[in-house]
C-alpha atoms as a PDB file:
ATOM      1  CA  MET A   1     -22.287 -38.660 -56.494  1.00  0.00           C
ATOM      2  CA  LYS A   2     -18.619 -39.445 -57.118  1.00  0.00           C
ATOM      3  CA  VAL A   3     -15.589 -39.195 -54.865  1.00  0.00           C
ATOM      4  CA  VAL A   4     -12.247 -39.308 -56.663  1.00  0.00           C
ATOM      5  CA  SER A   5      -9.265 -40.156 -54.476  1.00  0.00           C
ATOM      6  CA  THR A   6      -5.556 -39.879 -55.294  1.00  0.00           C
ATOM      7  CA  ALA A   7      -4.491 -40.338 -51.681  1.00  0.00           C
ATOM      8  CA  LYS A   8      -3.098 -43.901 -51.953  1.00  0.00           C
ATOM      9  CA  LEU A   9      -5.340 -45.273 -49.243  1.00  0.00           C
ATOM     10  CA  LYS A  10      -4.813 -48.698 -47.746  1.00  0.00           C
ATOM     11  CA  GLU A  11      -7.158 -51.337 -49.105  1.00  0.00           C
ATOM     12  CA  GLU A  12      -8.987 -51.893 -45.805  1.00  0.00           C
ATOM     13  CA  LEU A  13      -9.640 -48.152 -45.530  1.00  0.00           C
ATOM     14  CA  ARG A  14     -10.982 -47.980 -49.073  1.00  0.00           C
ATOM     15  CA  GLN A  15     -13.324 -50.836 -48.282  1.00  0.00           C
ATOM     16  CA  ASP A  16     -14.473 -49.120 -45.112  1.00  0.00           C
ATOM     17  CA  LEU A  17     -15.443 -45.993 -47.071  1.00  0.00           C
ATOM     18  CA  VAL A  18     -17.366 -48.031 -49.625  1.00  0.00           C
ATOM     19  CA  THR A  19     -19.186 -49.900 -46.843  1.00  0.00           C
ATOM     20  CA  SER A  20     -19.885 -46.744 -44.819  1.00  0.00           C
ATOM     21  CA  PHE A  21     -21.351 -44.870 -47.794  1.00  0.00           C
ATOM     22  CA  PRO A  22     -22.891 -47.473 -50.129  1.00  0.00           C
ATOM     23  CA  ASP A  23     -24.707 -44.865 -52.214  1.00  0.00           C
ATOM     24  CA  ILE A  24     -21.514 -43.005 -53.077  1.00  0.00           C
ATOM     25  CA  ASP A  25     -19.347 -43.983 -56.046  1.00  0.00           C
ATOM     26  CA  PHE A  26     -15.718 -44.038 -54.859  1.00  0.00           C
ATOM     27  CA  LEU A  27     -12.958 -44.027 -57.479  1.00  0.00           C
ATOM     28  CA  PHE A  28      -9.492 -44.724 -56.090  1.00  0.00           C
ATOM     29  CA  TYR A  29      -6.315 -43.952 -58.015  1.00  0.00           C
ATOM     30  CA  PRO A  30      -2.596 -44.194 -57.131  1.00  0.00           C
ATOM     31  CA  ALA A  31      -1.822 -40.799 -58.702  1.00  0.00           C
ATOM     32  CA  ILE A  32      -3.628 -37.848 -60.225  1.00  0.00           C
ATOM     33  CA  ALA A  33      -2.297 -38.711 -63.692  1.00  0.00           C
ATOM     34  CA  ASP A  34      -4.271 -41.953 -63.513  1.00  0.00           C
ATOM     35  CA  ALA A  35      -7.405 -40.063 -62.435  1.00  0.00           C
ATOM     36  CA  GLU A  36      -7.447 -37.398 -65.157  1.00  0.00           C
ATOM     37  CA  LYS A  37     -10.208 -38.991 -67.219  1.00  0.00           C
ATOM     38  CA  THR A  38     -12.574 -39.103 -64.253  1.00  0.00           C
ATOM     39  CA  LEU A  39     -11.704 -35.750 -62.645  1.00  0.00           C
ATOM     40  CA  PRO A  40     -14.536 -33.996 -64.567  1.00  0.00           C
ATOM     41  CA  GLU A  41     -17.004 -36.330 -62.833  1.00  0.00           C
ATOM     42  CA  ALA A  42     -15.772 -35.643 -59.296  1.00  0.00           C
ATOM     43  CA  ASP A  43     -18.124 -34.028 -56.797  1.00  0.00           C
ATOM     44  CA  ILE A  44     -15.556 -34.560 -54.031  1.00  0.00           C
ATOM     45  CA  PHE A  45     -11.787 -34.869 -54.346  1.00  0.00           C
ATOM     46  CA  LEU A  46      -9.671 -36.674 -51.741  1.00  0.00           C
ATOM     47  CA  THR A  47      -5.949 -35.864 -51.780  1.00  0.00           C
ATOM     48  CA  TYR A  48      -2.778 -35.346 -49.762  1.00  0.00           C
ATOM     49  CA  GLY A  49      -2.775 -31.811 -51.168  1.00  0.00           C
ATOM     50  CA  GLU A  50       0.385 -31.970 -53.270  1.00  0.00           C
ATOM     51  CA  ASP A  51      -0.901 -33.100 -56.657  1.00  0.00           C
ATOM     52  CA  LEU A  52      -3.829 -30.832 -57.554  1.00  0.00           C
ATOM     53  CA  LYS A  53      -2.965 -28.084 -60.073  1.00  0.00           C
ATOM     54  CA  GLU A  54      -4.960 -25.287 -61.684  1.00  0.00           C
ATOM     55  CA  GLU A  55      -5.099 -27.195 -64.963  1.00  0.00           C
ATOM     56  CA  HIS A  56      -6.827 -30.076 -63.184  1.00  0.00           C
ATOM     57  CA  LEU A  57      -9.361 -27.728 -61.629  1.00  0.00           C
ATOM     58  CA  GLU A  58     -10.200 -26.322 -65.067  1.00  0.00           C
ATOM     59  CA  THR A  59     -11.749 -29.697 -65.914  1.00  0.00           C
ATOM     60  CA  MET A  60     -13.568 -30.233 -62.588  1.00  0.00           C
ATOM     61  CA  SER A  61     -16.805 -28.322 -63.144  1.00  0.00           C
ATOM     62  CA  LYS A  62     -18.820 -30.531 -60.763  1.00  0.00           C
ATOM     63  CA  LEU A  63     -16.383 -30.195 -57.864  1.00  0.00           C
ATOM     64  CA  LYS A  64     -17.870 -29.010 -54.575  1.00  0.00           C
ATOM     65  CA  TRP A  65     -15.470 -30.136 -51.846  1.00  0.00           C
ATOM     66  CA  ILE A  66     -11.794 -31.044 -51.469  1.00  0.00           C
ATOM     67  CA  MET A  67     -10.683 -33.115 -48.496  1.00  0.00           C
ATOM     68  CA  VAL A  68      -6.939 -32.911 -47.832  1.00  0.00           C
ATOM     69  CA  ILE A  69      -5.811 -35.768 -45.599  1.00  0.00           C
ATOM     70  CA  SER A  70      -2.825 -33.815 -44.313  1.00  0.00           C
ATOM     71  CA  ALA A  71      -2.497 -30.423 -42.635  1.00  0.00           C
ATOM     72  CA  GLY A  72      -0.307 -28.526 -45.109  1.00  0.00           C
ATOM     73  CA  LEU A  73      -1.999 -26.616 -47.929  1.00  0.00           C
ATOM     74  CA  GLU A  74       0.911 -24.585 -49.284  1.00  0.00           C
ATOM     75  CA  LYS A  75       0.958 -26.503 -52.585  1.00  0.00           C
ATOM     76  CA  MET A  76      -2.769 -26.113 -53.191  1.00  0.00           C
ATOM     77  CA  PRO A  77      -4.040 -23.575 -55.801  1.00  0.00           C
ATOM     78  CA  LEU A  78      -6.221 -21.930 -53.159  1.00  0.00           C
ATOM     79  CA  GLN A  79      -7.101 -18.813 -55.140  1.00  0.00           C
ATOM     80  CA  LYS A  80      -8.429 -20.869 -58.041  1.00  0.00           C
ATOM     81  CA  ILE A  81     -10.343 -23.081 -55.620  1.00  0.00           C
ATOM     82  CA  LYS A  82     -11.895 -20.004 -54.044  1.00  0.00           C
ATOM     83  CA  GLU A  83     -12.907 -18.615 -57.446  1.00  0.00           C
ATOM     84  CA  MET A  84     -14.691 -21.889 -58.207  1.00  0.00           C
ATOM     85  CA  GLY A  85     -16.694 -21.721 -54.966  1.00  0.00           C
ATOM     86  CA  VAL A  86     -15.252 -25.021 -53.738  1.00  0.00           C
ATOM     87  CA  PHE A  87     -14.671 -25.509 -50.012  1.00  0.00           C
ATOM     88  CA  VAL A  88     -11.695 -27.295 -48.471  1.00  0.00           C
ATOM     89  CA  THR A  89     -11.251 -29.277 -45.267  1.00  0.00           C
ATOM     90  CA  ASN A  90      -8.105 -30.910 -43.969  1.00  0.00           C
ATOM     91  CA  ALA A  91      -6.843 -33.343 -41.342  1.00  0.00           C
ATOM     92  CA  ARG A  92      -5.533 -30.765 -38.895  1.00  0.00           C
ATOM     93  CA  GLY A  93      -5.320 -32.208 -35.395  1.00  0.00           C
ATOM     94  CA  ILE A  94      -4.514 -35.810 -36.252  1.00  0.00           C
ATOM     95  CA  HIS A  95      -0.790 -35.096 -35.955  1.00  0.00           C
ATOM     96  CA  ARG A  96      -1.032 -34.118 -32.294  1.00  0.00           C
ATOM     97  CA  ILE A  97       0.110 -37.392 -30.730  1.00  0.00           C
ATOM     98  CA  PRO A  98       2.824 -38.579 -33.163  1.00  0.00           C
ATOM     99  CA  MET A  99       4.423 -35.138 -33.517  1.00  0.00           C
ATOM    100  CA  ALA A 100       4.490 -34.525 -29.784  1.00  0.00           C
ATOM    101  CA  GLU A 101       6.061 -37.948 -29.260  1.00  0.00           C
ATOM    102  CA  TYR A 102       8.595 -37.211 -32.014  1.00  0.00           C
ATOM    103  CA  THR A 103       9.467 -33.913 -30.328  1.00  0.00           C
ATOM    104  CA  PHE A 104      10.273 -35.503 -26.999  1.00  0.00           C
ATOM    105  CA  THR A 105      12.094 -38.411 -28.610  1.00  0.00           C
ATOM    106  CA  THR A 106      14.465 -35.926 -30.227  1.00  0.00           C
ATOM    107  CA  LEU A 107      14.728 -33.571 -27.236  1.00  0.00           C
ATOM    108  CA  LEU A 108      15.675 -36.461 -24.977  1.00  0.00           C
ATOM    109  CA  SER A 109      18.100 -37.724 -27.603  1.00  0.00           C
ATOM    110  CA  VAL A 110      19.956 -34.400 -27.514  1.00  0.00           C
ATOM    111  CA  ALA A 111      19.738 -33.934 -23.740  1.00  0.00           C
ATOM    112  CA  LYS A 112      20.985 -37.461 -23.043  1.00  0.00           C
ATOM    113  CA  GLN A 113      23.444 -37.509 -25.991  1.00  0.00           C
ATOM    114  CA  THR A 114      22.177 -40.791 -27.386  1.00  0.00           C
ATOM    115  CA  LYS A 115      24.253 -40.320 -30.572  1.00  0.00           C
ATOM    116  CA  VAL A 116      27.312 -40.738 -28.352  1.00  0.00           C
ATOM    117  CA  TRP A 117      25.846 -43.852 -26.716  1.00  0.00           C
ATOM    118  CA  PHE A 118      25.290 -45.542 -30.055  1.00  0.00           C
ATOM    119  CA  GLU A 119      28.770 -44.651 -31.278  1.00  0.00           C
ATOM    120  CA  HIS A 120      30.352 -46.017 -28.099  1.00  0.00           C
ATOM    121  CA  GLN A 121      28.375 -49.247 -28.450  1.00  0.00           C
ATOM    122  CA  LYS A 122      29.721 -49.710 -31.984  1.00  0.00           C
ATOM    123  CA  GLN A 123      33.231 -49.303 -30.564  1.00  0.00           C
ATOM    124  CA  SER A 124      32.603 -51.594 -27.549  1.00  0.00           C
ATOM    125  CA  LYS A 125      33.610 -48.587 -25.479  1.00  0.00           C
ATOM    126  CA  TRP A 126      32.655 -48.330 -21.771  1.00  0.00           C
ATOM    127  CA  ASP A 127      32.635 -44.601 -21.032  1.00  0.00           C
ATOM    128  CA  ARG A 128      30.702 -43.155 -18.102  1.00  0.00           C
ATOM    129  CA  SER A 129      31.918 -39.602 -18.691  1.00  0.00           C
ATOM    130  CA  VAL A 130      29.174 -38.724 -21.201  1.00  0.00           C
ATOM    131  CA  ARG A 131      27.624 -35.446 -20.012  1.00  0.00           C
ATOM    132  CA  MET A 132      23.841 -35.699 -19.887  1.00  0.00           C
ATOM    133  CA  GLU A 133      21.271 -33.021 -19.085  1.00  0.00           C
ATOM    134  CA  GLU A 134      17.733 -33.042 -17.716  1.00  0.00           C
ATOM    135  CA  LEU A 135      14.582 -31.545 -19.161  1.00  0.00           C
ATOM    136  CA  PHE A 136      13.347 -30.884 -15.624  1.00  0.00           C
ATOM    137  CA  ARG A 137      12.838 -27.166 -14.884  1.00  0.00           C
ATOM    138  CA  GLU A 138      13.974 -26.110 -18.349  1.00  0.00           C
ATOM    139  CA  THR A 139      11.806 -23.743 -20.414  1.00  0.00           C
ATOM    140  CA  ILE A 140      10.250 -24.782 -23.713  1.00  0.00           C
ATOM    141  CA  THR A 141       8.697 -22.314 -26.160  1.00  0.00           C
ATOM    142  CA  VAL A 142       6.232 -23.488 -28.805  1.00  0.00           C
ATOM    143  CA  ILE A 143       5.827 -21.199 -31.828  1.00  0.00           C
ATOM    144  CA  GLY A 144       2.394 -21.692 -33.362  1.00  0.00           C
ATOM    145  CA  PRO A 145       0.715 -23.726 -30.631  1.00  0.00           C
ATOM    146  CA  GLY A 146      -2.497 -25.428 -31.688  1.00  0.00           C
ATOM    147  CA  ALA A 147      -3.456 -29.039 -31.076  1.00  0.00           C
ATOM    148  CA  ILE A 148       0.136 -30.223 -31.572  1.00  0.00           C
ATOM    149  CA  GLY A 149       1.618 -27.468 -29.423  1.00  0.00           C
ATOM    150  CA  SER A 150      -0.845 -28.095 -26.632  1.00  0.00           C
ATOM    151  CA  GLU A 151       0.080 -31.790 -26.615  1.00  0.00           C
ATOM    152  CA  ILE A 152       3.791 -30.924 -26.554  1.00  0.00           C
ATOM    153  CA  ALA A 153       3.110 -28.621 -23.608  1.00  0.00           C
ATOM    154  CA  ARG A 154       1.146 -31.360 -21.819  1.00  0.00           C
ATOM    155  CA  LEU A 155       4.076 -33.745 -22.115  1.00  0.00           C
ATOM    156  CA  ALA A 156       6.458 -30.961 -21.073  1.00  0.00           C
ATOM    157  CA  LYS A 157       4.500 -30.575 -17.850  1.00  0.00           C
ATOM    158  CA  ALA A 158       5.113 -34.260 -17.122  1.00  0.00           C
ATOM    159  CA  PHE A 159       8.847 -33.455 -17.252  1.00  0.00           C
ATOM    160  CA  GLY A 160       8.412 -30.480 -14.926  1.00  0.00           C
ATOM    161  CA  MET A 161       9.144 -27.887 -17.612  1.00  0.00           C
ATOM    162  CA  LYS A 162       7.978 -24.276 -17.890  1.00  0.00           C
ATOM    163  CA  THR A 163       5.957 -23.764 -21.061  1.00  0.00           C
ATOM    164  CA  ILE A 164       5.673 -20.674 -23.265  1.00  0.00           C
ATOM    165  CA  GLY A 165       3.601 -20.238 -26.433  1.00  0.00           C
ATOM    166  CA  VAL A 166       3.647 -17.724 -29.296  1.00  0.00           C
ATOM    167  CA  ASN A 167       0.566 -17.177 -31.461  1.00  0.00           C
ATOM    168  CA  ARG A 168      -1.129 -14.397 -33.414  1.00  0.00           C
ATOM    169  CA  SER A 169      -3.640 -13.408 -30.759  1.00  0.00           C
ATOM    170  CA  GLY A 170      -1.788 -13.963 -27.503  1.00  0.00           C
ATOM    171  CA  GLN A 171      -4.791 -15.969 -26.294  1.00  0.00           C
ATOM    172  CA  SER A 172      -4.225 -18.747 -23.790  1.00  0.00           C
ATOM    173  CA  VAL A 173      -3.518 -22.330 -24.834  1.00  0.00           C
ATOM    174  CA  GLU A 174      -4.089 -25.382 -22.646  1.00  0.00           C
ATOM    175  CA  PHE A 175      -0.994 -26.516 -20.694  1.00  0.00           C
ATOM    176  CA  ILE A 176       0.985 -23.394 -21.675  1.00  0.00           C
ATOM    177  CA  ASP A 177       1.979 -21.106 -18.807  1.00  0.00           C
ATOM    178  CA  ASP A 178       2.578 -17.866 -20.703  1.00  0.00           C
ATOM    179  CA  VAL A 179       1.452 -16.882 -24.198  1.00  0.00           C
ATOM    180  CA  TYR A 180       2.988 -14.069 -26.239  1.00  0.00           C
ATOM    181  CA  LYS A 181       1.827 -12.462 -29.464  1.00  0.00           C
ATOM    182  CA  MET A 182       3.849 -13.088 -32.619  1.00  0.00           C
ATOM    183  CA  SER A 183       5.088  -9.479 -32.432  1.00  0.00           C
ATOM    184  CA  ASP A 184       6.972 -10.512 -29.262  1.00  0.00           C
ATOM    185  CA  LEU A 185       8.428 -13.672 -30.807  1.00  0.00           C
ATOM    186  CA  ASN A 186      12.087 -13.017 -30.001  1.00  0.00           C
ATOM    187  CA  LYS A 187      11.294 -12.000 -26.434  1.00  0.00           C
ATOM    188  CA  ALA A 188       9.243 -15.167 -25.930  1.00  0.00           C
ATOM    189  CA  CYS A 189      12.130 -17.364 -27.051  1.00  0.00           C
ATOM    190  CA  ALA A 190      15.070 -15.530 -25.487  1.00  0.00           C
ATOM    191  CA  THR A 191      15.229 -17.499 -22.214  1.00  0.00           C
ATOM    192  CA  SER A 192      14.155 -20.919 -23.519  1.00  0.00           C
ATOM    193  CA  LYS A 193      16.437 -23.922 -23.740  1.00  0.00           C
ATOM    194  CA  TYR A 194      14.063 -25.579 -26.204  1.00  0.00           C
ATOM    195  CA  VAL A 195      12.287 -23.738 -29.027  1.00  0.00           C
ATOM    196  CA  ILE A 196       9.778 -25.659 -31.162  1.00  0.00           C
ATOM    197  CA  SER A 197       8.371 -24.263 -34.417  1.00  0.00           C
ATOM    198  CA  ILE A 198       5.081 -25.687 -35.692  1.00  0.00           C
ATOM    199  CA  LEU A 199       4.396 -22.785 -38.037  1.00  0.00           C
ATOM    200  CA  PRO A 200       2.490 -23.381 -41.287  1.00  0.00           C
ATOM    201  CA  ASP A 201       3.775 -21.987 -44.577  1.00  0.00           C
ATOM    202  CA  THR A 202       1.780 -18.795 -45.186  1.00  0.00           C
ATOM    203  CA  LYS A 203       2.487 -15.283 -46.451  1.00  0.00           C
ATOM    204  CA  GLU A 204       2.993 -14.131 -42.865  1.00  0.00           C
ATOM    205  CA  THR A 205       5.329 -16.947 -41.809  1.00  0.00           C
ATOM    206  CA  LYS A 206       7.535 -17.435 -44.884  1.00  0.00           C
ATOM    207  CA  GLY A 207      11.111 -16.608 -43.847  1.00  0.00           C
ATOM    208  CA  LEU A 208       9.959 -15.413 -40.426  1.00  0.00           C
ATOM    209  CA  LEU A 209      12.698 -17.249 -38.536  1.00  0.00           C
ATOM    210  CA  ASP A 210      15.803 -15.379 -39.680  1.00  0.00           C
ATOM    211  CA  SER A 211      19.192 -14.252 -38.373  1.00  0.00           C
ATOM    212  CA  ALA A 212      17.601 -11.805 -35.903  1.00  0.00           C
ATOM    213  CA  PHE A 213      15.517 -14.640 -34.488  1.00  0.00           C
ATOM    214  CA  PHE A 214      18.469 -17.007 -34.086  1.00  0.00           C
ATOM    215  CA  CYS A 215      20.580 -14.234 -32.539  1.00  0.00           C
ATOM    216  CA  ALA A 216      17.842 -13.749 -29.936  1.00  0.00           C
ATOM    217  CA  LEU A 217      18.086 -17.373 -28.759  1.00  0.00           C
ATOM    218  CA  ARG A 218      20.350 -18.676 -26.041  1.00  0.00           C
ATOM    219  CA  PRO A 219      23.682 -19.934 -27.440  1.00  0.00           C
ATOM    220  CA  ASP A 220      22.907 -23.353 -25.949  1.00  0.00           C
ATOM    221  CA  ALA A 221      19.300 -23.427 -27.207  1.00  0.00           C
ATOM    222  CA  VAL A 222      17.907 -26.409 -29.092  1.00  0.00           C
ATOM    223  CA  PHE A 223      15.762 -25.379 -32.060  1.00  0.00           C
ATOM    224  CA  VAL A 224      13.229 -27.852 -33.474  1.00  0.00           C
ATOM    225  CA  ASN A 225      11.339 -27.355 -36.739  1.00  0.00           C
ATOM    226  CA  ILE A 226       8.395 -29.682 -37.305  1.00  0.00           C
ATOM    227  CA  GLY A 227       6.286 -27.045 -39.068  1.00  0.00           C
ATOM    228  CA  ARG A 228       7.346 -26.026 -42.567  1.00  0.00           C
ATOM    229  CA  GLY A 229      10.842 -25.572 -43.961  1.00  0.00           C
ATOM    230  CA  LYS A 230      10.174 -22.275 -45.711  1.00  0.00           C
ATOM    231  CA  THR A 231       9.337 -20.545 -42.429  1.00  0.00           C
ATOM    232  CA  VAL A 232      13.106 -20.596 -41.732  1.00  0.00           C
ATOM    233  CA  ILE A 233      15.855 -18.738 -43.589  1.00  0.00           C
ATOM    234  CA  GLN A 234      17.972 -21.872 -43.824  1.00  0.00           C
ATOM    235  CA  ALA A 235      21.214 -19.999 -44.587  1.00  0.00           C
ATOM    236  CA  ASP A 236      20.757 -17.967 -41.385  1.00  0.00           C
ATOM    237  CA  LEU A 237      20.198 -21.116 -39.348  1.00  0.00           C
ATOM    238  CA  LEU A 238      23.296 -22.716 -40.876  1.00  0.00           C
ATOM    239  CA  LYS A 239      25.402 -19.663 -40.023  1.00  0.00           C
ATOM    240  CA  ALA A 240      24.169 -19.644 -36.410  1.00  0.00           C
ATOM    241  CA  LEU A 241      25.083 -23.309 -36.029  1.00  0.00           C
ATOM    242  CA  GLN A 242      28.486 -22.913 -37.671  1.00  0.00           C
ATOM    243  CA  ASN A 243      29.309 -19.950 -35.419  1.00  0.00           C
ATOM    244  CA  ASP A 244      28.233 -21.774 -32.235  1.00  0.00           C
ATOM    245  CA  GLU A 245      25.444 -19.235 -31.715  1.00  0.00           C
ATOM    246  CA  LEU A 246      22.970 -22.096 -31.311  1.00  0.00           C
ATOM    247  CA  GLY A 247      23.362 -25.352 -29.442  1.00  0.00           C
ATOM    248  CA  HIS A 248      21.547 -27.819 -31.686  1.00  0.00           C
ATOM    249  CA  ALA A 249      18.942 -27.963 -34.454  1.00  0.00           C
ATOM    250  CA  ILE A 250      16.455 -30.793 -34.916  1.00  0.00           C
ATOM    251  CA  LEU A 251      15.037 -30.510 -38.423  1.00  0.00           C
ATOM    252  CA  ASP A 252      12.235 -32.565 -39.928  1.00  0.00           C
ATOM    253  CA  VAL A 253      11.415 -30.027 -42.682  1.00  0.00           C
ATOM    254  CA  PHE A 254      13.540 -27.989 -45.089  1.00  0.00           C
ATOM    255  CA  GLU A 255      13.392 -25.260 -47.736  1.00  0.00           C
ATOM    256  CA  GLU A 256      14.073 -27.930 -50.355  1.00  0.00           C
ATOM    257  CA  GLU A 257      12.963 -31.522 -49.900  1.00  0.00           C
ATOM    258  CA  PRO A 258      14.597 -33.965 -50.028  1.00  0.00           C
ATOM    259  CA  LEU A 259      17.507 -32.135 -48.434  1.00  0.00           C
ATOM    260  CA  PRO A 260      20.346 -32.210 -51.030  1.00  0.00           C
ATOM    261  CA  GLU A 261      22.994 -34.838 -50.297  1.00  0.00           C
ATOM    262  CA  ASP A 262      25.756 -32.221 -50.324  1.00  0.00           C
ATOM    263  CA  HIS A 263      24.107 -29.892 -47.812  1.00  0.00           C
ATOM    264  CA  PRO A 264      26.348 -29.094 -44.794  1.00  0.00           C
ATOM    265  CA  PHE A 265      23.585 -30.058 -42.335  1.00  0.00           C
ATOM    266  CA  TRP A 266      24.208 -33.758 -43.027  1.00  0.00           C
ATOM    267  CA  LYS A 267      27.705 -33.746 -41.553  1.00  0.00           C
ATOM    268  CA  MET A 268      27.154 -31.414 -38.596  1.00  0.00           C
ATOM    269  CA  ASP A 269      27.282 -32.923 -35.095  1.00  0.00           C
ATOM    270  CA  ASN A 270      24.935 -30.237 -33.785  1.00  0.00           C
ATOM    271  CA  VAL A 271      22.159 -31.043 -36.269  1.00  0.00           C
ATOM    272  CA  THR A 272      19.661 -33.905 -36.200  1.00  0.00           C
ATOM    273  CA  ILE A 273      17.938 -34.578 -39.538  1.00  0.00           C
ATOM    274  CA  THR A 274      14.803 -36.583 -40.237  1.00  0.00           C
ATOM    275  CA  PRO A 275      13.008 -36.876 -43.622  1.00  0.00           C
ATOM    276  CA  HIS A 276       9.741 -34.998 -42.928  1.00  0.00           C
ATOM    277  CA  PHE A 277       8.153 -37.922 -41.117  1.00  0.00           C
ATOM    278  CA  SER A 278       7.433 -36.572 -37.637  1.00  0.00           C
ATOM    279  CA  SER A 279       3.689 -37.119 -38.143  1.00  0.00           C
ATOM    280  CA  VAL A 280       3.880 -40.538 -39.783  1.00  0.00           C
ATOM    281  CA  THR A 281       2.590 -43.611 -37.974  1.00  0.00           C
ATOM    282  CA  ALA A 282       0.327 -46.517 -38.899  1.00  0.00           C
ATOM    283  CA  ARG A 283      -2.624 -44.591 -37.406  1.00  0.00           C
ATOM    284  CA  TYR A 284      -2.239 -41.589 -39.732  1.00  0.00           C
ATOM    285  CA  GLN A 285      -4.708 -42.539 -42.483  1.00  0.00           C
ATOM    286  CA  PRO A 286      -7.382 -43.981 -40.150  1.00  0.00           C
ATOM    287  CA  ARG A 287      -7.419 -40.769 -38.104  1.00  0.00           C
ATOM    288  CA  ALA A 288      -7.610 -38.594 -41.229  1.00  0.00           C
ATOM    289  CA  LEU A 289     -10.465 -40.621 -42.683  1.00  0.00           C
ATOM    290  CA  GLU A 290     -12.485 -40.368 -39.474  1.00  0.00           C
ATOM    291  CA  ILE A 291     -12.575 -36.616 -40.107  1.00  0.00           C
ATOM    292  CA  PHE A 292     -13.516 -37.209 -43.731  1.00  0.00           C
ATOM    293  CA  LYS A 293     -16.321 -39.600 -42.786  1.00  0.00           C
ATOM    294  CA  GLU A 294     -17.795 -37.180 -40.261  1.00  0.00           C
ATOM    295  CA  ASN A 295     -17.626 -34.347 -42.799  1.00  0.00           C
ATOM    296  CA  MET A 296     -19.205 -36.603 -45.407  1.00  0.00           C
ATOM    297  CA  ARG A 297     -22.186 -37.139 -43.132  1.00  0.00           C
ATOM    298  CA  ILE A 298     -22.499 -33.374 -42.694  1.00  0.00           C
ATOM    299  CA  PHE A 299     -22.204 -32.892 -46.470  1.00  0.00           C
ATOM    300  CA  LEU A 300     -24.923 -35.448 -47.227  1.00  0.00           C
ATOM    301  CA  GLU A 301     -27.233 -33.740 -44.724  1.00  0.00           C
ATOM    302  CA  ASN A 302     -26.536 -30.307 -46.254  1.00  0.00           C
ATOM    303  CA  GLY A 303     -24.991 -29.200 -42.987  1.00  0.00           C
ATOM    304  CA  GLU A 304     -22.545 -26.379 -42.353  1.00  0.00           C
ATOM    305  CA  ASN A 305     -20.382 -27.116 -39.314  1.00  0.00           C
ATOM    306  CA  TYR A 306     -17.562 -28.952 -41.066  1.00  0.00           C
ATOM    307  CA  ILE A 307     -14.508 -30.097 -39.138  1.00  0.00           C
ATOM    308  CA  ASN A 308     -11.373 -28.179 -40.135  1.00  0.00           C
ATOM    309  CA  LEU A 309     -12.998 -25.907 -42.693  1.00  0.00           C
ATOM    310  CA  ILE A 310     -10.198 -23.885 -44.323  1.00  0.00           C
ATOM    311  CA  ASP A 311     -10.123 -20.107 -44.691  1.00  0.00           C
ATOM    312  CA  LEU A 312      -8.905 -19.969 -48.296  1.00  0.00           C
ATOM    313  CA  ASP A 313      -7.549 -16.437 -47.866  1.00  0.00           C
ATOM    314  CA  ARG A 314      -5.375 -17.350 -44.891  1.00  0.00           C
ATOM    315  CA  GLY A 315      -4.467 -20.820 -46.130  1.00  0.00           C
ATOM    316  CA  TYR A 316      -5.345 -22.611 -42.892  1.00  0.00           C
END
């Protein structure tokens, strides 16, 4: 049995896989172009989910399982994968801690105006008039609360915040006080100072956050997108910010990545930009591979209860 990986794994993690499964032939490559000759031999394919195309799948007649060591699947040829009878698992859930920590790093940065601190330090300027706010007793709404949203809500409770969630079903989520259905999205966000989107990129969510959504928010609201860039109509967000209809935007993801150097967001005081790295820490790959290893054991035992098995029709 052969596992072909294009996930650029660290050497110690590669060695751990080889040691953990001595009867499996692991083939590690830095990119899918380097793996093309061995793709036809792959029973299992290990990837970040951004490199696999339909033309690759045409050659992979032995393929049974794809493990994506990230959460996003929007670049995967899911329909072709489904037609081939291949199943997909991903690393959903491993981002819970780093993305929740990122969220509160940025929320506190805006509330306490740390950009101003750093600028004053550069100028050797002693200024105690900087206006700072508290998170205490503010309301935070999480759009698309799963493992990440629940962790954000848990941390919010430590700050004494009221928590609201918005999901498809309206079913309760741990640490969230009130949960609304997606049909009540604007209502759920209308009173919140902080609005966090963790939405995946699917048919239902693409362009969901538009001018009507931003008009429904408080004019001093802070909007955070750590989900997917294409869930937001970026031009509508820009207009809301330019017209002072929104207090601040914290953006880790964008419609086009990298964000073009000439985009207005770069020079706006009420925008914080990061390069799609809210989930990245040194523990990312080890956590993802723990899921892979557990699923590998299930696979070798002909089991069924895989961790993070993807519904190929929904895309998550």
